[in-house]
N, C-alpha and C. Protein backbone atom coordinates (compact mmCIF):
# COMPACT_ATOMS: atom_id res chain seq x y z
N UNK A 1 -15.00 -2.44 3.46
CA UNK A 1 -14.17 -1.44 2.79
C UNK A 1 -13.10 -2.57 2.11
N UNK A 2 -12.70 -2.19 0.62
CA UNK A 2 -11.74 -3.02 0.00
C UNK A 2 -10.40 -3.12 0.60
N UNK A 3 -9.61 -4.16 0.74
CA UNK A 3 -8.29 -4.26 1.35
C UNK A 3 -7.10 -4.05 0.15
N UNK A 4 -6.13 -3.21 0.34
CA UNK A 4 -5.03 -3.20 -0.72
C UNK A 4 -3.75 -3.48 0.04
N UNK A 5 -2.69 -3.89 -0.85
CA UNK A 5 -1.38 -4.08 -0.15
C UNK A 5 -0.53 -2.95 -1.06
N UNK A 6 0.26 -2.08 -0.38
CA UNK A 6 1.18 -1.22 -0.91
C UNK A 6 2.42 -1.70 -0.92
N UNK A 7 3.03 -1.95 -2.32
CA UNK A 7 4.39 -2.47 -2.36
C UNK A 7 5.32 -1.23 -2.55
N UNK A 8 6.40 -1.01 -1.68
CA UNK A 8 7.15 0.25 -2.06
C UNK A 8 8.67 -0.04 -2.27
N UNK A 9 9.03 0.35 -3.24
CA UNK A 9 10.71 0.36 -3.31
C UNK A 9 11.18 1.85 -3.04
N UNK A 10 12.14 2.15 -2.07
CA UNK A 10 12.59 3.37 -1.64
C UNK A 10 13.57 3.81 -2.54
N UNK A 11 13.61 5.16 -2.90
CA UNK A 11 14.84 5.73 -3.63
C UNK A 11 16.12 5.46 -3.11
N UNK A 12 17.20 5.20 -4.02
CA UNK A 12 18.40 5.08 -3.58
C UNK A 12 18.87 6.20 -2.38
N UNK A 13 18.65 7.31 -2.81
CA UNK A 13 18.84 8.58 -1.93
C UNK A 13 18.34 8.41 -0.36
N UNK A 14 17.05 7.77 -0.35
CA UNK A 14 16.52 7.48 0.97
C UNK A 14 17.10 6.44 1.68
N UNK A 15 17.54 5.28 0.72
CA UNK A 15 18.25 4.22 1.38
C UNK A 15 19.54 4.59 2.09
N UNK A 16 20.27 5.64 1.49
CA UNK A 16 21.53 6.00 1.91
C UNK A 16 21.30 6.67 3.49
N UNK A 17 20.21 7.19 3.82
CA UNK A 17 20.18 7.96 4.99
C UNK A 17 19.10 7.59 5.72
N UNK A 18 19.45 6.53 6.75
CA UNK A 18 18.35 5.88 7.70
C UNK A 18 17.60 6.81 8.65
N UNK A 19 18.42 7.83 9.05
CA UNK A 19 17.92 8.86 9.94
C UNK A 19 16.70 9.64 9.24
N UNK A 20 17.04 10.03 8.02
CA UNK A 20 16.32 10.84 7.22
C UNK A 20 15.14 10.04 6.92
N UNK A 21 15.26 8.79 6.80
CA UNK A 21 14.01 7.98 6.33
C UNK A 21 12.97 8.11 7.33
N UNK A 22 13.34 8.17 8.63
CA UNK A 22 12.23 8.40 9.62
C UNK A 22 11.62 9.72 9.34
N UNK A 23 12.26 10.67 9.21
CA UNK A 23 11.48 12.08 9.10
C UNK A 23 10.71 11.98 7.67
N UNK A 24 11.25 11.29 6.73
CA UNK A 24 10.47 11.16 5.31
C UNK A 24 9.03 10.40 5.70
N UNK A 25 9.23 9.25 6.47
CA UNK A 25 8.02 8.55 6.91
C UNK A 25 7.04 9.40 7.58
N UNK A 26 7.52 9.97 8.55
CA UNK A 26 6.64 10.96 9.23
C UNK A 26 5.66 12.11 8.19
N UNK A 27 6.60 12.42 7.28
CA UNK A 27 6.04 13.41 6.23
C UNK A 27 5.01 12.70 5.56
N UNK A 28 5.35 11.46 5.09
CA UNK A 28 4.42 10.62 4.39
C UNK A 28 3.06 10.40 4.92
N UNK A 29 3.24 10.14 6.31
CA UNK A 29 2.13 9.73 7.02
C UNK A 29 1.18 11.09 7.31
N UNK A 30 1.65 12.29 7.45
CA UNK A 30 0.92 13.59 7.32
C UNK A 30 0.07 13.74 6.19
N UNK A 31 1.00 13.47 4.91
CA UNK A 31 0.37 13.66 3.73
C UNK A 31 -0.87 12.82 3.58
N UNK A 32 -0.53 11.53 3.76
CA UNK A 32 -1.68 10.57 3.67
C UNK A 32 -2.92 10.93 4.43
N UNK A 33 -2.57 11.27 5.81
CA UNK A 33 -3.73 11.59 6.66
C UNK A 33 -4.62 12.86 6.22
N UNK A 34 -3.87 13.76 5.62
CA UNK A 34 -4.52 15.01 4.90
C UNK A 34 -5.32 14.52 3.58
N UNK A 35 -4.67 13.93 2.72
CA UNK A 35 -5.05 13.49 1.50
C UNK A 35 -6.04 12.46 1.49
N UNK A 36 -5.91 11.56 2.26
CA UNK A 36 -6.68 10.07 2.28
C UNK A 36 -7.30 10.00 3.64
N UNK A 37 -8.02 10.70 4.41
CA UNK A 37 -8.29 10.58 5.58
C UNK A 37 -9.25 9.25 5.84
N UNK A 38 -9.86 8.88 4.84
CA UNK A 38 -10.58 7.47 4.88
C UNK A 38 -9.82 6.25 4.85
N UNK A 39 -8.52 6.33 4.69
CA UNK A 39 -7.79 5.04 4.59
C UNK A 39 -7.76 4.55 5.96
N UNK A 40 -8.01 3.36 6.06
CA UNK A 40 -7.45 2.64 7.49
C UNK A 40 -6.28 1.89 7.36
N UNK A 41 -5.17 2.24 7.85
CA UNK A 41 -3.83 1.47 7.91
C UNK A 41 -3.93 0.31 8.78
N UNK A 42 -3.66 -0.80 8.26
CA UNK A 42 -3.80 -2.14 9.08
C UNK A 42 -2.41 -2.62 9.38
N UNK A 43 -1.37 -2.65 8.62
CA UNK A 43 -0.17 -3.07 9.08
C UNK A 43 0.97 -2.32 8.21
N UNK A 44 2.31 -2.35 8.50
CA UNK A 44 3.37 -1.81 8.00
C UNK A 44 4.55 -2.64 8.21
N UNK A 45 5.21 -3.15 7.14
CA UNK A 45 6.43 -3.95 7.21
C UNK A 45 7.52 -3.51 6.59
N UNK A 46 8.93 -3.77 7.08
CA UNK A 46 9.89 -3.51 6.36
C UNK A 46 10.31 -4.91 5.81
N UNK A 47 10.84 -4.98 4.46
CA UNK A 47 11.00 -6.28 3.86
C UNK A 47 12.47 -6.27 3.48
N UNK A 48 12.89 -7.77 3.29
CA UNK A 48 14.13 -8.11 2.60
C UNK A 48 13.51 -8.63 1.16
N UNK A 49 14.31 -8.24 0.00
CA UNK A 49 13.93 -8.68 -1.26
C UNK A 49 13.78 -7.55 -2.14
N UNK A 50 13.07 -7.62 -3.23
CA UNK A 50 12.84 -6.59 -4.33
C UNK A 50 11.96 -5.46 -3.73
N UNK A 51 11.26 -5.41 -2.86
CA UNK A 51 10.73 -4.22 -2.14
C UNK A 51 11.03 -4.09 -0.72
N UNK A 52 11.07 -2.69 -0.57
CA UNK A 52 11.52 -2.36 0.89
C UNK A 52 10.56 -2.40 2.07
N UNK A 53 9.27 -2.07 1.56
CA UNK A 53 8.27 -1.95 2.46
C UNK A 53 6.95 -2.39 1.89
N UNK A 54 5.99 -2.89 2.82
CA UNK A 54 4.71 -3.38 2.48
C UNK A 54 3.77 -2.88 3.60
N UNK A 55 2.85 -2.19 3.05
CA UNK A 55 1.61 -1.66 3.84
C UNK A 55 0.41 -2.35 3.45
N UNK A 56 -0.42 -2.73 4.56
CA UNK A 56 -1.64 -3.14 4.21
C UNK A 56 -2.84 -2.32 4.60
N UNK A 57 -3.75 -1.87 3.83
CA UNK A 57 -4.72 -0.99 4.35
C UNK A 57 -6.08 -1.04 3.50
N UNK A 58 -7.02 -0.41 4.05
CA UNK A 58 -8.34 -0.39 3.59
C UNK A 58 -8.77 0.99 2.88
N UNK A 59 -9.33 0.89 1.94
CA UNK A 59 -9.70 2.19 1.19
C UNK A 59 -10.96 1.98 0.54
N UNK A 60 -11.85 2.94 0.36
CA UNK A 60 -13.11 2.85 -0.35
C UNK A 60 -13.20 2.67 -1.89
N UNK A 61 -11.89 2.93 -2.53
CA UNK A 61 -12.17 2.86 -3.83
C UNK A 61 -10.80 2.61 -4.47
N UNK A 62 -10.64 2.17 -5.69
CA UNK A 62 -9.49 2.31 -6.43
C UNK A 62 -8.98 3.65 -6.54
N UNK A 63 -9.76 4.68 -6.78
CA UNK A 63 -9.21 6.05 -6.87
C UNK A 63 -8.31 6.54 -5.62
N UNK A 64 -8.94 6.25 -4.40
CA UNK A 64 -8.15 6.37 -3.07
C UNK A 64 -6.70 5.60 -3.15
N UNK A 65 -6.77 4.43 -3.64
CA UNK A 65 -5.78 3.69 -3.77
C UNK A 65 -4.73 4.14 -4.59
N UNK A 66 -5.07 4.76 -5.77
CA UNK A 66 -4.22 5.53 -6.51
C UNK A 66 -3.49 6.70 -5.83
N UNK A 67 -4.27 7.42 -5.23
CA UNK A 67 -3.68 8.58 -4.23
C UNK A 67 -2.60 8.17 -3.53
N UNK A 68 -2.89 7.01 -2.75
CA UNK A 68 -1.85 6.31 -1.98
C UNK A 68 -0.50 6.04 -2.66
N UNK A 69 -0.56 5.60 -3.85
CA UNK A 69 0.54 5.32 -4.59
C UNK A 69 1.17 6.51 -4.99
N UNK A 70 0.45 7.43 -5.49
CA UNK A 70 0.93 8.76 -6.08
C UNK A 70 1.62 9.59 -4.92
N UNK A 71 0.94 9.46 -3.68
CA UNK A 71 1.73 10.23 -2.68
C UNK A 71 2.98 9.53 -2.16
N UNK A 72 2.96 8.37 -2.33
CA UNK A 72 4.02 7.58 -1.85
C UNK A 72 5.22 7.83 -2.85
N UNK A 73 5.01 8.03 -4.11
CA UNK A 73 6.09 8.17 -5.27
C UNK A 73 6.54 9.65 -4.78
N UNK A 74 5.59 10.73 -4.46
CA UNK A 74 5.85 11.96 -4.30
C UNK A 74 6.96 12.21 -3.12
N UNK A 75 6.76 11.25 -2.20
CA UNK A 75 7.53 11.31 -0.86
C UNK A 75 8.78 10.53 -0.92
N UNK A 76 9.32 10.08 -2.08
CA UNK A 76 10.66 9.57 -2.12
C UNK A 76 10.59 8.19 -2.58
N UNK A 77 9.55 7.40 -2.85
CA UNK A 77 9.63 6.07 -3.16
C UNK A 77 10.03 6.20 -4.69
N UNK A 78 10.95 5.10 -5.03
CA UNK A 78 11.29 4.91 -6.60
C UNK A 78 10.13 4.09 -7.38
N UNK A 79 9.41 3.58 -6.67
CA UNK A 79 8.15 2.76 -6.99
C UNK A 79 7.18 2.47 -5.86
N UNK A 80 5.81 2.64 -6.24
CA UNK A 80 4.75 2.21 -5.37
C UNK A 80 3.48 1.74 -6.05
N UNK A 81 3.44 0.43 -5.62
CA UNK A 81 2.24 -0.22 -6.26
C UNK A 81 1.19 -0.61 -5.35
N UNK A 82 -0.25 -0.18 -5.47
CA UNK A 82 -1.22 -0.67 -4.76
C UNK A 82 -1.94 -1.71 -5.39
N UNK A 83 -2.02 -2.78 -4.77
CA UNK A 83 -2.61 -4.13 -5.32
C UNK A 83 -3.87 -4.48 -4.34
N UNK A 84 -5.10 -4.74 -5.03
CA UNK A 84 -6.22 -5.22 -4.46
C UNK A 84 -6.05 -6.62 -3.88
N UNK A 85 -6.60 -6.85 -2.74
CA UNK A 85 -6.35 -7.94 -2.09
C UNK A 85 -7.63 -8.36 -1.67
N UNK A 86 -8.03 -9.63 -1.91
CA UNK A 86 -9.29 -10.19 -1.48
C UNK A 86 -9.16 -11.30 -0.29
N UNK A 87 -9.99 -11.37 0.65
CA UNK A 87 -9.72 -12.40 1.75
C UNK A 87 -9.82 -13.84 1.00
N UNK A 88 -9.23 -14.79 1.59
CA UNK A 88 -9.22 -16.16 0.89
C UNK A 88 -10.47 -16.86 1.01
N UNK A 89 -11.19 -16.68 1.96
CA UNK A 89 -12.72 -17.31 2.14
C UNK A 89 -13.35 -16.52 0.82
N UNK A 90 -13.38 -15.36 0.63
CA UNK A 90 -14.09 -14.82 -0.42
C UNK A 90 -13.56 -15.23 -1.93
N UNK A 91 -12.39 -15.51 -1.90
CA UNK A 91 -11.78 -16.12 -2.99
C UNK A 91 -12.36 -17.54 -3.46
N UNK A 92 -12.38 -18.26 -2.38
CA UNK A 92 -13.18 -19.59 -2.42
C UNK A 92 -14.60 -19.48 -2.82
N UNK A 93 -15.26 -18.45 -2.43
CA UNK A 93 -16.73 -18.26 -2.77
C UNK A 93 -16.71 -18.00 -4.25
N UNK A 94 -15.82 -17.29 -4.65
CA UNK A 94 -15.90 -16.95 -6.15
C UNK A 94 -15.45 -18.16 -6.94
N UNK A 95 -14.58 -19.08 -6.48
CA UNK A 95 -14.26 -20.14 -7.25
C UNK A 95 -15.69 -21.07 -7.24
N UNK A 96 -16.35 -21.05 -6.08
CA UNK A 96 -17.50 -22.06 -5.93
C UNK A 96 -18.50 -21.47 -7.04
N UNK A 97 -18.59 -20.26 -7.10
CA UNK A 97 -19.65 -19.51 -7.97
C UNK A 97 -19.39 -19.94 -9.45
N UNK A 98 -18.00 -19.95 -9.72
CA UNK A 98 -17.62 -20.27 -11.33
C UNK A 98 -17.90 -21.67 -11.45
N UNK A 99 -17.58 -22.47 -10.50
CA UNK A 99 -17.76 -24.00 -10.57
C UNK A 99 -19.44 -24.17 -10.73
N UNK A 100 -20.19 -23.60 -10.24
CA UNK A 100 -21.58 -23.73 -10.34
C UNK A 100 -22.14 -23.48 -11.57
N UNK A 101 -21.73 -22.47 -12.31
CA UNK A 101 -22.00 -21.94 -13.63
C UNK A 101 -21.43 -22.88 -14.81
N UNK A 102 -20.49 -23.85 -14.43
CA UNK A 102 -20.11 -24.70 -15.72
C UNK A 102 -21.34 -25.51 -16.17
């Protein structure tokens, strides 16, 4: 199954209420579990920098990745971007395939 990275910026309102964030996080997870049961969550990180959170997950398609981002926005994220991620070994295989066709 393809791997994606969800990069999230929380809304200013959420950032002002640390206790409320926990409740919103549980609500977010419940909505994800109902709407996208096929998603396998691999990791969740809080970040310093331009993004507040990073989640790594597997989803069967780009359509499901879109749903993940849309639900994140609906649950209080100011922005939510799902990026496809390729394992580095696969990346090297792709590079080798390109080189062979030169």
